Amino acid sequence: MNRTRIVALALAATAAALVPALGQGATAAEGTYLQDPAGGEKSMKSMWTKDEMHKVEGQLRFFPGVQYKTVTRPGPSGAPEFERRVGDPRTLAWQPSYEFGWAVSDSTLVKKALTTKEGKHPVVVHAVLRAPDRSKAGEVRRELRDRPATGRERVPGGKRIACDTGEYTVEWSVTRSGYGTVSGTLRWDSSCEQYRTAFTTGEGPR
């Protein structure tokens, strides 16, 4: 086997590994998300009840969930029979999901002090995805009963969003019934350019 063919086979193998064969449907960058408030796992917005004896904290992680189909392409020059599965940029779209985090604290003796996170709580999570023209592009709401004082809940959005349709706004809230609500917003750019470029160059999604 000559050197040119060896190099071509190596390049084809590398490209194939970057975009796995995922059948007709695929989800890339599943772990990529936007968070409000920004920061780590424990970064949350909070509010106290009027008597300052109960605190509600909340957080949203928005997963854009890029979707695409794969197609079969021939290998590089020198090894065209070494076929590979690559993302088809014409099929790119988004299918968001929402992950809510919460924490409920109760003061035992002193206001805003000596708090505990115990018991079961009714929690309501809600999010609205608004298009650039402020119309409602998606909405999720879930009533969670008997949940621990700290927890997380992932909710599928159930709506497909076209690529490159502008900047969207996510309005979200976490409510502990009887205590109060924390809420926030975050912005999301629906551009698929980075994925389109990656598929065109054969590098796959990052």
N, C-alpha and C. Protein backbone atom coordinates (compact mmCIF):
# COMPACT_ATOMS: atom_id res chain seq x y z
N MET A 1 0.86 -1.19 0.00
CA MET A 1 0.00 0.00 0.00
C MET A 1 0.90 1.24 0.00
N ASN A 2 0.67 2.16 -0.97
CA ASN A 2 1.55 3.32 -1.05
C ASN A 2 1.22 4.33 0.04
N ARG A 3 2.13 5.29 0.21
CA ARG A 3 2.00 6.25 1.31
C ARG A 3 0.75 7.12 1.16
N THR A 4 0.42 7.52 -0.08
CA THR A 4 -0.76 8.36 -0.31
C THR A 4 -2.03 7.67 0.17
N ARG A 5 -2.14 6.38 -0.15
CA ARG A 5 -3.34 5.63 0.25
C ARG A 5 -3.39 5.46 1.77
N ILE A 6 -2.25 5.25 2.41
CA ILE A 6 -2.23 5.10 3.87
C ILE A 6 -2.71 6.38 4.54
N VAL A 7 -2.23 7.53 4.05
CA VAL A 7 -2.65 8.82 4.61
C VAL A 7 -4.13 9.04 4.39
N ALA A 8 -4.63 8.70 3.19
CA ALA A 8 -6.05 8.89 2.88
C ALA A 8 -6.93 8.05 3.79
N LEU A 9 -6.53 6.81 4.04
CA LEU A 9 -7.30 5.94 4.93
C LEU A 9 -7.30 6.48 6.36
N ALA A 10 -6.17 7.01 6.80
CA ALA A 10 -6.09 7.56 8.15
C ALA A 10 -7.01 8.77 8.29
N LEU A 11 -7.03 9.63 7.28
CA LEU A 11 -7.90 10.81 7.32
C LEU A 11 -9.37 10.40 7.32
N ALA A 12 -9.71 9.41 6.52
CA ALA A 12 -11.10 8.95 6.46
C ALA A 12 -11.54 8.38 7.79
N ALA A 13 -10.67 7.60 8.43
CA ALA A 13 -11.00 7.01 9.73
C ALA A 13 -11.22 8.08 10.78
N THR A 14 -10.40 9.12 10.76
CA THR A 14 -10.54 10.22 11.72
C THR A 14 -11.86 10.94 11.53
N ALA A 15 -12.21 11.25 10.28
CA ALA A 15 -13.46 11.96 9.99
C ALA A 15 -14.66 11.13 10.40
N ALA A 16 -14.60 9.82 10.15
CA ALA A 16 -15.72 8.95 10.51
C ALA A 16 -15.92 8.91 12.01
N ALA A 17 -14.84 8.96 12.76
CA ALA A 17 -14.94 8.91 14.22
C ALA A 17 -15.55 10.18 14.79
N LEU A 18 -15.35 11.30 14.11
CA LEU A 18 -15.85 12.58 14.62
C LEU A 18 -17.36 12.69 14.52
N VAL A 19 -17.96 12.12 13.49
CA VAL A 19 -19.42 12.14 13.35
C VAL A 19 -19.90 10.70 13.28
N PRO A 20 -20.35 10.12 14.40
CA PRO A 20 -20.73 8.71 14.43
C PRO A 20 -21.97 8.43 13.60
N ALA A 21 -22.10 7.19 13.18
CA ALA A 21 -23.29 6.77 12.45
C ALA A 21 -24.44 6.67 13.44
N LEU A 22 -25.39 7.58 13.33
CA LEU A 22 -26.48 7.64 14.30
C LEU A 22 -27.84 7.40 13.65
N GLY A 23 -27.85 6.76 12.49
CA GLY A 23 -29.12 6.45 11.85
C GLY A 23 -29.75 7.68 11.23
N GLN A 24 -31.08 7.63 11.11
CA GLN A 24 -31.80 8.72 10.45
C GLN A 24 -31.88 9.97 11.30
N GLY A 25 -31.92 9.82 12.62
CA GLY A 25 -32.00 10.99 13.48
C GLY A 25 -30.82 11.04 14.42
N ALA A 26 -30.38 12.23 14.78
CA ALA A 26 -29.24 12.34 15.68
C ALA A 26 -29.36 13.61 16.49
N THR A 27 -28.77 13.59 17.67
CA THR A 27 -28.71 14.78 18.51
C THR A 27 -27.26 15.05 18.84
N ALA A 28 -26.79 16.24 18.51
CA ALA A 28 -25.41 16.60 18.80
C ALA A 28 -25.37 17.60 19.94
N ALA A 29 -24.22 17.69 20.60
CA ALA A 29 -24.00 18.68 21.66
C ALA A 29 -25.09 18.64 22.72
N GLU A 30 -25.51 17.43 23.10
CA GLU A 30 -26.59 17.29 24.08
C GLU A 30 -26.22 17.91 25.42
N GLY A 31 -24.93 17.91 25.75
CA GLY A 31 -24.52 18.46 27.04
C GLY A 31 -24.36 19.97 27.06
N THR A 32 -24.55 20.63 25.92
CA THR A 32 -24.38 22.07 25.84
C THR A 32 -25.64 22.77 26.33
N TYR A 33 -25.48 23.74 27.25
CA TYR A 33 -26.66 24.44 27.76
C TYR A 33 -26.31 25.87 28.15
N LEU A 34 -27.36 26.69 28.28
CA LEU A 34 -27.26 28.04 28.82
C LEU A 34 -27.90 28.02 30.19
N GLN A 35 -27.36 28.78 31.13
CA GLN A 35 -27.87 28.74 32.50
C GLN A 35 -28.19 30.13 33.02
N ASP A 36 -29.32 30.23 33.72
CA ASP A 36 -29.69 31.45 34.43
C ASP A 36 -30.05 31.08 35.87
N PRO A 37 -29.36 31.67 36.87
CA PRO A 37 -28.24 32.60 36.72
C PRO A 37 -26.97 31.87 36.29
N ALA A 38 -26.06 32.61 35.67
CA ALA A 38 -24.80 32.01 35.22
C ALA A 38 -24.00 31.51 36.42
N GLY A 39 -23.17 30.51 36.18
CA GLY A 39 -22.35 29.97 37.26
C GLY A 39 -22.43 28.47 37.29
N GLY A 40 -22.23 27.90 38.45
CA GLY A 40 -22.20 26.46 38.60
C GLY A 40 -23.50 25.88 39.11
N GLU A 41 -23.42 24.66 39.58
CA GLU A 41 -24.59 23.91 40.05
C GLU A 41 -25.36 24.64 41.15
N LYS A 42 -24.64 25.34 42.04
CA LYS A 42 -25.28 25.96 43.19
C LYS A 42 -25.67 27.42 42.96
N SER A 43 -25.43 27.94 41.77
CA SER A 43 -25.81 29.33 41.48
C SER A 43 -27.32 29.38 41.24
N MET A 44 -28.04 30.09 42.11
CA MET A 44 -29.50 30.15 42.00
C MET A 44 -30.02 31.54 42.36
N LYS A 45 -31.17 31.87 41.79
CA LYS A 45 -31.88 33.07 42.20
C LYS A 45 -32.72 32.70 43.42
N SER A 46 -32.99 33.68 44.29
CA SER A 46 -33.69 33.34 45.52
C SER A 46 -34.64 34.44 45.96
N MET A 47 -35.60 34.06 46.81
CA MET A 47 -36.52 35.01 47.44
C MET A 47 -36.93 34.46 48.80
N TRP A 48 -37.25 35.38 49.72
CA TRP A 48 -37.74 35.02 51.05
C TRP A 48 -39.23 35.36 51.15
N THR A 49 -39.94 34.59 51.94
CA THR A 49 -41.34 34.93 52.21
C THR A 49 -41.39 36.20 53.06
N LYS A 50 -42.56 36.81 53.15
CA LYS A 50 -42.69 38.08 53.88
C LYS A 50 -42.27 37.96 55.34
N ASP A 51 -42.52 36.82 55.95
CA ASP A 51 -42.13 36.66 57.35
C ASP A 51 -40.67 36.26 57.50
N GLU A 52 -39.96 36.15 56.38
CA GLU A 52 -38.53 35.84 56.36
C GLU A 52 -38.19 34.51 57.04
N MET A 53 -39.12 33.57 56.93
CA MET A 53 -38.90 32.26 57.54
C MET A 53 -38.72 31.15 56.50
N HIS A 54 -38.99 31.46 55.24
CA HIS A 54 -38.89 30.44 54.19
C HIS A 54 -38.22 31.04 52.95
N LYS A 55 -37.32 30.29 52.35
CA LYS A 55 -36.61 30.76 51.16
C LYS A 55 -36.81 29.79 50.01
N VAL A 56 -37.03 30.36 48.81
CA VAL A 56 -37.16 29.57 47.59
C VAL A 56 -36.02 29.96 46.65
N GLU A 57 -35.32 28.97 46.12
CA GLU A 57 -34.25 29.22 45.16
C GLU A 57 -34.56 28.47 43.86
N GLY A 58 -34.13 29.05 42.74
CA GLY A 58 -34.41 28.42 41.46
C GLY A 58 -33.34 28.69 40.42
N GLN A 59 -33.27 27.81 39.44
CA GLN A 59 -32.28 27.89 38.38
C GLN A 59 -32.86 27.24 37.12
N LEU A 60 -32.46 27.76 35.96
CA LEU A 60 -32.86 27.13 34.70
C LEU A 60 -31.62 26.81 33.86
N ARG A 61 -31.61 25.62 33.30
CA ARG A 61 -30.63 25.27 32.27
C ARG A 61 -31.40 24.99 30.99
N PHE A 62 -31.06 25.74 29.95
CA PHE A 62 -31.73 25.62 28.65
C PHE A 62 -30.82 24.85 27.71
N PHE A 63 -31.31 23.69 27.24
CA PHE A 63 -30.56 22.84 26.31
C PHE A 63 -31.13 23.05 24.91
N PRO A 64 -30.42 23.73 24.01
CA PRO A 64 -30.94 23.96 22.66
C PRO A 64 -31.22 22.67 21.89
N GLY A 65 -30.38 21.65 22.08
CA GLY A 65 -30.64 20.34 21.47
C GLY A 65 -30.60 20.35 19.95
N VAL A 66 -29.43 20.60 19.37
CA VAL A 66 -29.34 20.62 17.91
C VAL A 66 -29.64 19.23 17.34
N GLN A 67 -30.43 19.20 16.26
CA GLN A 67 -30.84 17.95 15.61
C GLN A 67 -30.33 17.94 14.17
N TYR A 68 -30.01 16.75 13.68
CA TYR A 68 -29.61 16.62 12.28
C TYR A 68 -29.71 15.16 11.85
N LYS A 69 -29.73 14.93 10.55
CA LYS A 69 -29.66 13.58 10.01
C LYS A 69 -28.27 13.36 9.43
N THR A 70 -27.91 12.10 9.28
CA THR A 70 -26.61 11.78 8.72
C THR A 70 -26.76 11.19 7.32
N VAL A 71 -25.74 11.37 6.51
CA VAL A 71 -25.72 10.82 5.15
C VAL A 71 -24.38 10.11 4.94
N THR A 72 -24.35 9.22 3.96
CA THR A 72 -23.13 8.49 3.63
C THR A 72 -22.35 9.24 2.57
N ARG A 73 -21.08 9.46 2.83
CA ARG A 73 -20.21 10.14 1.87
C ARG A 73 -19.02 9.24 1.54
N PRO A 74 -18.49 9.34 0.31
CA PRO A 74 -17.31 8.55 -0.03
C PRO A 74 -16.09 9.05 0.73
N GLY A 75 -15.08 8.21 0.83
CA GLY A 75 -13.86 8.59 1.51
C GLY A 75 -13.07 9.60 0.69
N PRO A 76 -11.95 10.06 1.22
CA PRO A 76 -11.14 11.07 0.53
C PRO A 76 -10.46 10.50 -0.71
N SER A 77 -9.91 11.38 -1.49
CA SER A 77 -9.18 10.97 -2.69
C SER A 77 -8.07 10.00 -2.30
N GLY A 78 -8.02 8.87 -2.97
CA GLY A 78 -7.04 7.85 -2.64
C GLY A 78 -7.67 6.67 -1.93
N ALA A 79 -8.86 6.88 -1.34
CA ALA A 79 -9.57 5.78 -0.67
C ALA A 79 -11.07 6.06 -0.70
N PRO A 80 -11.66 6.26 -1.89
CA PRO A 80 -13.08 6.62 -1.99
C PRO A 80 -14.02 5.55 -1.46
N GLU A 81 -13.56 4.28 -1.42
CA GLU A 81 -14.43 3.21 -0.94
C GLU A 81 -14.58 3.21 0.58
N PHE A 82 -13.76 4.02 1.26
CA PHE A 82 -13.83 4.09 2.73
C PHE A 82 -14.95 5.07 3.11
N GLU A 83 -16.19 4.61 3.02
CA GLU A 83 -17.34 5.49 3.25
C GLU A 83 -17.47 5.89 4.71
N ARG A 84 -18.11 7.02 4.94
CA ARG A 84 -18.28 7.52 6.30
C ARG A 84 -19.64 8.20 6.43
N ARG A 85 -20.14 8.23 7.64
CA ARG A 85 -21.40 8.92 7.93
C ARG A 85 -21.08 10.32 8.43
N VAL A 86 -21.68 11.32 7.82
CA VAL A 86 -21.44 12.70 8.23
C VAL A 86 -22.77 13.41 8.40
N GLY A 87 -22.77 14.49 9.16
CA GLY A 87 -23.98 15.27 9.35
C GLY A 87 -24.38 15.99 8.08
N ASP A 88 -25.69 16.02 7.82
CA ASP A 88 -26.21 16.71 6.64
C ASP A 88 -26.65 18.12 7.07
N PRO A 89 -25.94 19.17 6.66
CA PRO A 89 -26.27 20.53 7.11
C PRO A 89 -27.66 20.98 6.69
N ARG A 90 -28.23 20.35 5.66
CA ARG A 90 -29.58 20.75 5.21
C ARG A 90 -30.66 20.33 6.19
N THR A 91 -30.35 19.41 7.11
CA THR A 91 -31.35 18.90 8.04
C THR A 91 -31.21 19.48 9.44
N LEU A 92 -30.32 20.44 9.63
CA LEU A 92 -30.10 21.03 10.95
C LEU A 92 -31.36 21.73 11.48
N ALA A 93 -31.64 21.54 12.75
CA ALA A 93 -32.75 22.22 13.43
C ALA A 93 -32.50 22.10 14.93
N TRP A 94 -33.34 22.76 15.72
CA TRP A 94 -33.22 22.72 17.18
C TRP A 94 -34.46 22.07 17.79
N GLN A 95 -34.27 21.38 18.90
CA GLN A 95 -35.39 20.84 19.67
C GLN A 95 -35.05 21.01 21.16
N PRO A 96 -35.40 22.17 21.71
CA PRO A 96 -34.96 22.51 23.08
C PRO A 96 -35.60 21.66 24.17
N SER A 97 -34.90 21.61 25.30
CA SER A 97 -35.46 21.07 26.53
C SER A 97 -35.02 21.97 27.68
N TYR A 98 -35.68 21.83 28.82
CA TYR A 98 -35.49 22.75 29.94
C TYR A 98 -35.23 21.94 31.21
N GLU A 99 -34.20 22.32 31.93
CA GLU A 99 -33.91 21.66 33.21
C GLU A 99 -33.99 22.68 34.33
N PHE A 100 -34.88 22.42 35.27
CA PHE A 100 -35.10 23.32 36.40
C PHE A 100 -34.43 22.77 37.65
N GLY A 101 -33.78 23.65 38.39
CA GLY A 101 -33.24 23.27 39.69
C GLY A 101 -33.91 24.10 40.77
N TRP A 102 -34.08 23.54 41.96
CA TRP A 102 -34.72 24.29 43.05
C TRP A 102 -34.14 23.89 44.40
N ALA A 103 -34.35 24.76 45.37
CA ALA A 103 -34.01 24.48 46.77
C ALA A 103 -34.99 25.24 47.64
N VAL A 104 -35.53 24.58 48.65
CA VAL A 104 -36.49 25.18 49.58
C VAL A 104 -35.92 25.09 50.99
N SER A 105 -35.80 26.24 51.65
CA SER A 105 -35.22 26.29 53.00
C SER A 105 -36.24 26.84 53.98
N ASP A 106 -36.24 26.30 55.19
CA ASP A 106 -37.12 26.77 56.26
C ASP A 106 -36.28 27.16 57.47
N SER A 107 -36.52 28.37 57.99
CA SER A 107 -35.85 28.80 59.21
C SER A 107 -36.55 28.16 60.41
N THR A 108 -35.77 27.74 61.37
CA THR A 108 -36.37 27.05 62.52
C THR A 108 -36.68 27.99 63.68
N LEU A 109 -35.78 28.93 63.98
CA LEU A 109 -35.99 29.82 65.12
C LEU A 109 -35.79 31.29 64.77
N VAL A 110 -34.74 31.58 64.02
CA VAL A 110 -34.37 32.97 63.72
C VAL A 110 -34.62 33.26 62.25
N LYS A 111 -35.16 34.45 61.95
CA LYS A 111 -35.43 34.83 60.58
C LYS A 111 -34.15 34.81 59.75
N LYS A 112 -34.24 34.23 58.56
CA LYS A 112 -33.13 34.15 57.61
C LYS A 112 -31.88 33.51 58.21
N ALA A 113 -32.08 32.63 59.18
CA ALA A 113 -30.93 31.96 59.81
C ALA A 113 -31.36 30.57 60.28
N LEU A 114 -30.38 29.74 60.57
CA LEU A 114 -30.63 28.39 61.05
C LEU A 114 -31.63 27.66 60.15
N THR A 115 -31.37 27.70 58.85
CA THR A 115 -32.31 27.10 57.90
C THR A 115 -32.04 25.61 57.72
N THR A 116 -33.09 24.90 57.35
CA THR A 116 -32.98 23.48 57.03
C THR A 116 -33.63 23.23 55.67
N LYS A 117 -33.17 22.22 54.98
CA LYS A 117 -33.76 21.79 53.71
C LYS A 117 -34.29 20.38 53.92
N GLU A 118 -35.53 20.30 54.37
CA GLU A 118 -36.11 19.02 54.72
C GLU A 118 -37.54 18.91 54.21
N GLY A 119 -38.08 17.71 54.29
CA GLY A 119 -39.48 17.48 53.96
C GLY A 119 -39.76 17.38 52.47
N LYS A 120 -41.05 17.24 52.15
CA LYS A 120 -41.52 17.17 50.77
C LYS A 120 -42.26 18.46 50.44
N HIS A 121 -42.16 18.88 49.17
CA HIS A 121 -42.72 20.18 48.79
C HIS A 121 -43.42 20.11 47.43
N PRO A 122 -44.49 20.92 47.25
CA PRO A 122 -45.10 21.06 45.93
C PRO A 122 -44.35 22.13 45.14
N VAL A 123 -43.85 21.76 43.97
CA VAL A 123 -43.05 22.69 43.16
C VAL A 123 -43.66 22.76 41.76
N VAL A 124 -43.78 23.98 41.24
CA VAL A 124 -44.29 24.19 39.88
C VAL A 124 -43.18 24.83 39.05
N VAL A 125 -42.84 24.21 37.92
CA VAL A 125 -41.82 24.77 37.02
C VAL A 125 -42.49 25.19 35.72
N HIS A 126 -42.02 26.30 35.16
CA HIS A 126 -42.68 26.87 33.98
C HIS A 126 -41.66 27.62 33.14
N ALA A 127 -41.76 27.49 31.83
CA ALA A 127 -40.89 28.25 30.92
C ALA A 127 -41.62 28.54 29.63
N VAL A 128 -41.37 29.72 29.08
CA VAL A 128 -41.92 30.13 27.79
C VAL A 128 -40.75 30.54 26.90
N LEU A 129 -40.72 30.00 25.69
CA LEU A 129 -39.71 30.38 24.70
C LEU A 129 -40.35 31.37 23.74
N ARG A 130 -39.81 32.58 23.69
CA ARG A 130 -40.38 33.62 22.84
C ARG A 130 -39.48 33.89 21.64
N ALA A 131 -40.12 33.96 20.47
CA ALA A 131 -39.42 34.25 19.22
C ALA A 131 -39.00 35.71 19.18
N PRO A 132 -38.18 36.10 18.21
CA PRO A 132 -37.75 37.50 18.12
C PRO A 132 -38.90 38.51 18.06
N ASP A 133 -40.06 38.10 17.52
CA ASP A 133 -41.20 39.02 17.46
C ASP A 133 -42.07 38.95 18.72
N ARG A 134 -41.57 38.24 19.76
CA ARG A 134 -42.23 38.09 21.06
C ARG A 134 -43.38 37.09 21.04
N SER A 135 -43.64 36.45 19.91
CA SER A 135 -44.67 35.41 19.89
C SER A 135 -44.17 34.18 20.65
N LYS A 136 -45.09 33.33 21.07
CA LYS A 136 -44.74 32.16 21.86
C LYS A 136 -44.32 31.02 20.93
N ALA A 137 -43.04 30.64 21.00
CA ALA A 137 -42.52 29.57 20.16
C ALA A 137 -42.56 28.21 20.86
N GLY A 138 -42.72 28.23 22.17
CA GLY A 138 -42.79 26.99 22.94
C GLY A 138 -43.11 27.29 24.39
N GLU A 139 -43.64 26.30 25.09
CA GLU A 139 -43.98 26.49 26.51
C GLU A 139 -44.01 25.14 27.21
N VAL A 140 -43.49 25.09 28.43
CA VAL A 140 -43.58 23.89 29.26
C VAL A 140 -44.04 24.30 30.66
N ARG A 141 -44.81 23.43 31.28
CA ARG A 141 -45.25 23.65 32.66
C ARG A 141 -45.46 22.29 33.31
N ARG A 142 -44.97 22.14 34.51
CA ARG A 142 -45.13 20.86 35.19
C ARG A 142 -45.32 21.10 36.69
N GLU A 143 -46.35 20.47 37.24
CA GLU A 143 -46.61 20.53 38.68
C GLU A 143 -46.02 19.28 39.32
N LEU A 144 -45.08 19.49 40.22
CA LEU A 144 -44.36 18.40 40.86
C LEU A 144 -44.81 18.29 42.31
N ARG A 145 -45.30 17.15 42.69
CA ARG A 145 -45.81 16.96 44.05
C ARG A 145 -44.85 16.13 44.89
N ASP A 146 -44.83 16.44 46.18
CA ASP A 146 -44.03 15.66 47.14
C ASP A 146 -42.58 15.51 46.70
N ARG A 147 -41.97 16.63 46.34
CA ARG A 147 -40.58 16.61 45.91
C ARG A 147 -39.66 16.98 47.08
N PRO A 148 -38.43 16.47 47.08
CA PRO A 148 -37.49 16.83 48.15
C PRO A 148 -37.16 18.32 48.12
N ALA A 149 -36.58 18.81 49.20
CA ALA A 149 -36.30 20.24 49.32
C ALA A 149 -35.31 20.73 48.27
N THR A 150 -34.46 19.87 47.77
CA THR A 150 -33.56 20.22 46.67
C THR A 150 -33.74 19.20 45.56
N GLY A 151 -33.73 19.66 44.32
CA GLY A 151 -33.91 18.72 43.23
C GLY A 151 -33.78 19.37 41.87
N ARG A 152 -33.89 18.53 40.84
CA ARG A 152 -33.82 18.99 39.46
C ARG A 152 -34.86 18.22 38.65
N GLU A 153 -35.35 18.86 37.58
CA GLU A 153 -36.34 18.23 36.70
C GLU A 153 -36.08 18.67 35.27
N ARG A 154 -35.87 17.69 34.38
CA ARG A 154 -35.67 17.96 32.95
C ARG A 154 -37.00 17.78 32.23
N VAL A 155 -37.39 18.79 31.44
CA VAL A 155 -38.68 18.76 30.75
C VAL A 155 -38.45 18.96 29.25
N PRO A 156 -38.86 18.01 28.39
CA PRO A 156 -38.72 18.19 26.95
C PRO A 156 -39.59 19.34 26.46
N GLY A 157 -39.06 20.10 25.50
CA GLY A 157 -39.82 21.23 24.98
C GLY A 157 -40.92 20.82 24.02
N GLY A 158 -40.68 19.73 23.27
CA GLY A 158 -41.70 19.23 22.35
C GLY A 158 -41.93 20.08 21.11
N LYS A 159 -41.08 21.07 20.88
CA LYS A 159 -41.24 21.95 19.72
C LYS A 159 -39.93 22.00 18.93
N ARG A 160 -40.04 21.91 17.63
CA ARG A 160 -38.88 22.00 16.75
C ARG A 160 -38.71 23.45 16.30
N ILE A 161 -37.50 23.98 16.43
CA ILE A 161 -37.22 25.37 16.08
C ILE A 161 -36.26 25.40 14.90
N ALA A 162 -36.61 26.15 13.87
CA ALA A 162 -35.76 26.23 12.68
C ALA A 162 -34.48 26.99 12.98
N CYS A 163 -33.42 26.61 12.29
CA CYS A 163 -32.13 27.29 12.44
C CYS A 163 -32.20 28.72 11.92
N ASP A 164 -31.32 29.55 12.46
CA ASP A 164 -31.08 30.90 11.92
C ASP A 164 -32.35 31.74 11.85
N THR A 165 -33.19 31.64 12.89
CA THR A 165 -34.43 32.42 12.92
C THR A 165 -34.38 33.53 13.95
N GLY A 166 -33.17 33.90 14.37
CA GLY A 166 -33.01 35.05 15.24
C GLY A 166 -32.72 34.71 16.69
N GLU A 167 -32.78 35.74 17.53
CA GLU A 167 -32.49 35.59 18.96
C GLU A 167 -33.79 35.40 19.74
N TYR A 168 -33.85 34.32 20.49
CA TYR A 168 -35.03 33.98 21.28
C TYR A 168 -34.80 34.36 22.75
N THR A 169 -35.90 34.47 23.49
CA THR A 169 -35.83 34.75 24.93
C THR A 169 -36.56 33.64 25.68
N VAL A 170 -35.93 33.12 26.71
CA VAL A 170 -36.56 32.13 27.58
C VAL A 170 -36.98 32.82 28.87
N GLU A 171 -38.27 32.77 29.18
CA GLU A 171 -38.80 33.29 30.44
C GLU A 171 -39.15 32.09 31.32
N TRP A 172 -38.60 32.03 32.51
CA TRP A 172 -38.79 30.84 33.34
C TRP A 172 -39.15 31.20 34.77
N SER A 173 -39.72 30.24 35.48
CA SER A 173 -40.02 30.44 36.89
C SER A 173 -40.06 29.11 37.63
N VAL A 174 -39.75 29.17 38.91
CA VAL A 174 -39.88 28.04 39.83
C VAL A 174 -40.70 28.53 41.01
N THR A 175 -41.79 27.83 41.32
CA THR A 175 -42.69 28.23 42.40
C THR A 175 -42.79 27.13 43.44
N ARG A 176 -42.63 27.52 44.70
CA ARG A 176 -42.96 26.61 45.79
C ARG A 176 -44.32 27.08 46.29
N SER A 177 -45.35 26.30 46.02
CA SER A 177 -46.71 26.70 46.37
C SER A 177 -46.80 27.09 47.84
N GLY A 178 -47.40 28.26 48.11
CA GLY A 178 -47.55 28.74 49.47
C GLY A 178 -46.39 29.60 49.94
N TYR A 179 -45.26 29.55 49.25
CA TYR A 179 -44.08 30.33 49.64
C TYR A 179 -43.84 31.49 48.68
N GLY A 180 -43.68 31.19 47.39
CA GLY A 180 -43.42 32.24 46.43
C GLY A 180 -42.74 31.71 45.17
N THR A 181 -42.33 32.65 44.31
CA THR A 181 -41.80 32.32 42.99
C THR A 181 -40.48 33.05 42.74
N VAL A 182 -39.54 32.35 42.13
CA VAL A 182 -38.34 33.00 41.59
C VAL A 182 -38.41 32.86 40.08
N SER A 183 -37.92 33.85 39.37
CA SER A 183 -38.03 33.83 37.91
C SER A 183 -36.83 34.51 37.28
N GLY A 184 -36.71 34.34 35.97
CA GLY A 184 -35.60 34.96 35.26
C GLY A 184 -35.79 34.83 33.76
N THR A 185 -34.83 35.36 33.02
CA THR A 185 -34.84 35.28 31.56
C THR A 185 -33.42 35.01 31.08
N LEU A 186 -33.32 34.43 29.91
CA LEU A 186 -32.03 34.31 29.24
C LEU A 186 -32.26 34.37 27.74
N ARG A 187 -31.22 34.74 27.01
CA ARG A 187 -31.31 34.87 25.56
C ARG A 187 -30.55 33.75 24.87
N TRP A 188 -31.07 33.35 23.71
CA TRP A 188 -30.47 32.25 22.95
C TRP A 188 -30.48 32.59 21.47
N ASP A 189 -29.32 32.47 20.84
CA ASP A 189 -29.17 32.72 19.41
C ASP A 189 -29.38 31.41 18.65
N SER A 190 -30.33 31.38 17.73
CA SER A 190 -30.69 30.14 17.03
C SER A 190 -29.80 29.84 15.82
N SER A 191 -28.69 30.55 15.67
CA SER A 191 -27.80 30.31 14.53
C SER A 191 -27.23 28.89 14.57
N CYS A 192 -27.18 28.24 13.42
CA CYS A 192 -26.58 26.91 13.29
C CYS A 192 -25.25 26.98 12.54
N GLU A 193 -24.70 28.16 12.39
CA GLU A 193 -23.53 28.35 11.55
C GLU A 193 -22.35 27.48 11.98
N GLN A 194 -22.11 27.35 13.29
CA GLN A 194 -20.95 26.57 13.73
C GLN A 194 -21.08 25.10 13.33
N TYR A 195 -22.30 24.56 13.38
CA TYR A 195 -22.51 23.17 12.99
C TYR A 195 -22.45 23.01 11.47
N ARG A 196 -23.03 23.97 10.76
CA ARG A 196 -23.00 23.92 9.30
C ARG A 196 -21.56 23.95 8.80
N THR A 197 -20.75 24.80 9.40
CA THR A 197 -19.34 24.89 9.01
C THR A 197 -18.61 23.59 9.33
N ALA A 198 -18.89 23.02 10.51
CA ALA A 198 -18.23 21.78 10.91
C ALA A 198 -18.58 20.63 9.97
N PHE A 199 -19.85 20.52 9.57
CA PHE A 199 -20.25 19.45 8.67
C PHE A 199 -19.64 19.64 7.28
N THR A 200 -19.55 20.88 6.84
CA THR A 200 -19.00 21.16 5.52
C THR A 200 -17.52 20.82 5.45
N THR A 201 -16.80 21.08 6.55
CA THR A 201 -15.37 20.79 6.58
C THR A 201 -15.07 19.36 7.00
N GLY A 202 -16.13 18.62 7.41
CA GLY A 202 -15.94 17.23 7.80
C GLY A 202 -15.45 17.04 9.20
N GLU A 203 -15.51 18.09 10.04
CA GLU A 203 -15.00 17.97 11.40
C GLU A 203 -16.04 17.48 12.39
N GLY A 204 -17.33 17.61 12.03
CA GLY A 204 -18.37 17.18 12.95
C GLY A 204 -18.63 18.21 14.02
N PRO A 205 -19.71 18.03 14.83
CA PRO A 205 -20.06 18.99 15.86
C PRO A 205 -19.08 18.99 17.00
N ARG A 206 -18.96 20.13 17.68
CA ARG A 206 -18.09 20.24 18.84
C ARG A 206 -18.93 20.37 20.10
